[in-house]
């Protein structure tokens, strides 16, 4: 059974940082990329970061580039999303996904106060 589980969300003040983790099981982790998404209140899902299967390539949209960093540890079957210089517009539920599939975690809430 494929499982992904996010953790590390919480409440942080503007300008602060959070580190999210995505722990996986049930599939060959090193064969798939990991995508991170978020859903802000009343808004559609949007991708915030992607990392390739071997971790050699990453990609970010402009609004997270230079603030977010995605990494992975294939031995621990885990991906990490480091988020810096957070602002209230980053308030959302954050999800990880096995790239190219319908396998998602349940999400972790990130709230950034002014």
C-alpha atoms as a PDB file:
ATOM      1  CA  UNK A   1       0.000   0.000   0.000  1.00  0.00           C
ATOM      2  CA  UNK A   2       1.399   3.328  -1.085  1.00  0.00           C
ATOM      3  CA  UNK A   3       1.505   5.873   1.723  1.00  0.00           C
ATOM      4  CA  UNK A   4       2.795   9.409   2.011  1.00  0.00           C
ATOM      5  CA  UNK A   5       2.573  11.395   5.228  1.00  0.00           C
ATOM      6  CA  UNK A   6       3.432  15.045   5.700  1.00  0.00           C
ATOM      7  CA  UNK A   7       4.436  16.591   8.996  1.00  0.00           C
ATOM      8  CA  UNK A   8       6.049  19.733  10.333  1.00  0.00           C
ATOM      9  CA  UNK A   9       3.315  22.278   9.755  1.00  0.00           C
ATOM     10  CA  UNK A  10       2.311  24.813  12.349  1.00  0.00           C
ATOM     11  CA  UNK A  11       1.975  28.485  13.184  1.00  0.00           C
ATOM     12  CA  UNK A  12       4.834  30.852  12.436  1.00  0.00           C
ATOM     13  CA  UNK A  13       5.213  34.618  12.310  1.00  0.00           C
ATOM     14  CA  UNK A  14       5.895  36.473   9.084  1.00  0.00           C
ATOM     15  CA  UNK A  15       9.526  36.146   8.124  1.00  0.00           C
ATOM     16  CA  UNK A  16       9.871  32.852   9.932  1.00  0.00           C
ATOM     17  CA  UNK A  17      10.760  29.387   8.702  1.00  0.00           C
ATOM     18  CA  UNK A  18       9.304  25.913   8.773  1.00  0.00           C
ATOM     19  CA  UNK A  19      10.548  22.541   7.614  1.00  0.00           C
ATOM     20  CA  UNK A  20       8.044  20.035   6.269  1.00  0.00           C
ATOM     21  CA  UNK A  21       8.727  16.339   5.880  1.00  0.00           C
ATOM     22  CA  UNK A  22       7.112  13.722   3.672  1.00  0.00           C
ATOM     23  CA  UNK A  23       7.662  10.146   4.784  1.00  0.00           C
ATOM     24  CA  UNK A  24       6.739   7.449   2.297  1.00  0.00           C
ATOM     25  CA  UNK A  25       6.234   3.698   2.105  1.00  0.00           C
ATOM     26  CA  UNK A  26       4.849   1.019  -0.162  1.00  0.00           C
ATOM     27  CA  UNK A  27       6.586   1.854  -3.428  1.00  0.00           C
ATOM     28  CA  UNK A  28      10.118   2.104  -4.868  1.00  0.00           C
ATOM     29  CA  UNK A  29      10.829   5.608  -3.587  1.00  0.00           C
ATOM     30  CA  UNK A  30      14.002   6.172  -5.586  1.00  0.00           C
ATOM     31  CA  UNK A  31      12.163   5.601  -8.879  1.00  0.00           C
ATOM     32  CA  UNK A  32       9.798   8.546  -8.543  1.00  0.00           C
ATOM     33  CA  UNK A  33      10.083  12.271  -8.201  1.00  0.00           C
ATOM     34  CA  UNK A  34       8.330  14.076  -5.378  1.00  0.00           C
ATOM     35  CA  UNK A  35       6.126  17.096  -5.907  1.00  0.00           C
ATOM     36  CA  UNK A  36       5.028  19.468  -3.181  1.00  0.00           C
ATOM     37  CA  UNK A  37       1.754  21.345  -3.514  1.00  0.00           C
ATOM     38  CA  UNK A  38      -0.309  23.674  -1.433  1.00  0.00           C
ATOM     39  CA  UNK A  39      -3.912  24.732  -1.294  1.00  0.00           C
ATOM     40  CA  UNK A  40      -4.608  28.157   0.076  1.00  0.00           C
ATOM     41  CA  UNK A  41      -8.092  28.907   1.433  1.00  0.00           C
ATOM     42  CA  UNK A  42     -10.538  29.165  -1.454  1.00  0.00           C
ATOM     43  CA  UNK A  43      -7.824  28.593  -4.034  1.00  0.00           C
ATOM     44  CA  UNK A  44      -6.921  25.644  -6.292  1.00  0.00           C
ATOM     45  CA  UNK A  45      -3.953  23.414  -5.699  1.00  0.00           C
ATOM     46  CA  UNK A  46      -0.641  24.862  -6.844  1.00  0.00           C
ATOM     47  CA  UNK A  47       2.765  23.253  -7.083  1.00  0.00           C
ATOM     48  CA  UNK A  48       5.458  24.776  -4.891  1.00  0.00           C
ATOM     49  CA  UNK A  49       8.435  22.493  -5.544  1.00  0.00           C
ATOM     50  CA  UNK A  50       9.556  19.357  -7.350  1.00  0.00           C
ATOM     51  CA  UNK A  51      12.558  17.108  -6.996  1.00  0.00           C
ATOM     52  CA  UNK A  52      13.668  14.365  -9.353  1.00  0.00           C
ATOM     53  CA  UNK A  53      13.945  10.732  -8.375  1.00  0.00           C
ATOM     54  CA  UNK A  54      17.683  10.877  -7.738  1.00  0.00           C
ATOM     55  CA  UNK A  55      17.505  14.333  -6.227  1.00  0.00           C
ATOM     56  CA  UNK A  56      19.765  15.822  -8.891  1.00  0.00           C
ATOM     57  CA  UNK A  57      17.183  18.214 -10.290  1.00  0.00           C
ATOM     58  CA  UNK A  58      14.694  20.545  -8.655  1.00  0.00           C
ATOM     59  CA  UNK A  59      12.196  23.063  -9.924  1.00  0.00           C
ATOM     60  CA  UNK A  60      10.168  25.826  -8.328  1.00  0.00           C
ATOM     61  CA  UNK A  61       7.595  28.350  -9.440  1.00  0.00           C
ATOM     62  CA  UNK A  62       8.662  31.971  -9.213  1.00  0.00           C
ATOM     63  CA  UNK A  63       6.751  32.609  -5.991  1.00  0.00           C
ATOM     64  CA  UNK A  64       8.738  30.024  -4.023  1.00  0.00           C
ATOM     65  CA  UNK A  65      12.074  30.188  -5.804  1.00  0.00           C
ATOM     66  CA  UNK A  66      14.836  31.449  -3.472  1.00  0.00           C
ATOM     67  CA  UNK A  67      12.622  30.907  -0.414  1.00  0.00           C
ATOM     68  CA  UNK A  68      11.792  27.182  -0.549  1.00  0.00           C
ATOM     69  CA  UNK A  69      14.242  24.322  -0.882  1.00  0.00           C
ATOM     70  CA  UNK A  70      13.246  20.726  -1.567  1.00  0.00           C
ATOM     71  CA  UNK A  71      15.533  17.810  -0.779  1.00  0.00           C
ATOM     72  CA  UNK A  72      15.224  14.073  -0.434  1.00  0.00           C
ATOM     73  CA  UNK A  73      16.933  11.194   1.309  1.00  0.00           C
ATOM     74  CA  UNK A  74      16.380   8.033  -0.686  1.00  0.00           C
ATOM     75  CA  UNK A  75      17.711   5.831   2.091  1.00  0.00           C
ATOM     76  CA  UNK A  76      15.127   7.241   4.517  1.00  0.00           C
ATOM     77  CA  UNK A  77      12.407   7.433   1.863  1.00  0.00           C
ATOM     78  CA  UNK A  78      11.781  11.024   2.882  1.00  0.00           C
ATOM     79  CA  UNK A  79      11.510  14.386   1.194  1.00  0.00           C
ATOM     80  CA  UNK A  80      11.930  17.666   3.042  1.00  0.00           C
ATOM     81  CA  UNK A  81      10.642  21.111   2.138  1.00  0.00           C
ATOM     82  CA  UNK A  82      12.523  23.931   3.836  1.00  0.00           C
ATOM     83  CA  UNK A  83      10.504  27.146   3.754  1.00  0.00           C
ATOM     84  CA  UNK A  84      12.113  30.465   4.648  1.00  0.00           C
ATOM     85  CA  UNK A  85      10.947  34.065   4.794  1.00  0.00           C
ATOM     86  CA  UNK A  86       7.335  32.991   5.053  1.00  0.00           C
ATOM     87  CA  UNK A  87       4.529  35.485   4.604  1.00  0.00           C
ATOM     88  CA  UNK A  88       0.784  35.305   5.289  1.00  0.00           C
ATOM     89  CA  UNK A  89       0.139  34.442   1.630  1.00  0.00           C
ATOM     90  CA  UNK A  90       1.952  31.150   2.259  1.00  0.00           C
ATOM     91  CA  UNK A  91      -0.818  30.069   4.637  1.00  0.00           C
ATOM     92  CA  UNK A  92      -2.140  26.810   3.185  1.00  0.00           C
ATOM     93  CA  UNK A  93      -2.375  23.077   3.540  1.00  0.00           C
ATOM     94  CA  UNK A  94       0.791  21.573   2.098  1.00  0.00           C
ATOM     95  CA  UNK A  95       0.852  18.179   0.405  1.00  0.00           C
ATOM     96  CA  UNK A  96       3.446  15.871  -1.060  1.00  0.00           C
ATOM     97  CA  UNK A  97       2.731  13.699  -4.040  1.00  0.00           C
ATOM     98  CA  UNK A  98       4.468  10.850  -5.781  1.00  0.00           C
ATOM     99  CA  UNK A  99       5.083  12.597  -9.075  1.00  0.00           C
ATOM    100  CA  UNK A 100       2.960  11.458 -11.996  1.00  0.00           C
ATOM    101  CA  UNK A 101       0.561   9.446  -9.857  1.00  0.00           C
ATOM    102  CA  UNK A 102      -2.527   9.899  -7.734  1.00  0.00           C
ATOM    103  CA  UNK A 103      -0.647   9.085  -4.543  1.00  0.00           C
ATOM    104  CA  UNK A 104      -0.904  11.985  -2.114  1.00  0.00           C
ATOM    105  CA  UNK A 105      -0.428  12.580   1.556  1.00  0.00           C
ATOM    106  CA  UNK A 106      -3.192  14.042   3.716  1.00  0.00           C
ATOM    107  CA  UNK A 107      -1.495  17.367   4.102  1.00  0.00           C
ATOM    108  CA  UNK A 108      -0.132  19.520   6.890  1.00  0.00           C
ATOM    109  CA  UNK A 109      -1.420  22.974   7.796  1.00  0.00           C
ATOM    110  CA  UNK A 110       0.931  25.938   7.637  1.00  0.00           C
ATOM    111  CA  UNK A 111      -0.294  29.222   9.082  1.00  0.00           C
ATOM    112  CA  UNK A 112       1.739  32.418   8.847  1.00  0.00           C
ATOM    113  CA  UNK A 113       0.635  35.313  11.015  1.00  0.00           C
ATOM    114  CA  UNK A 114       1.358  38.961  10.140  1.00  0.00           C
END
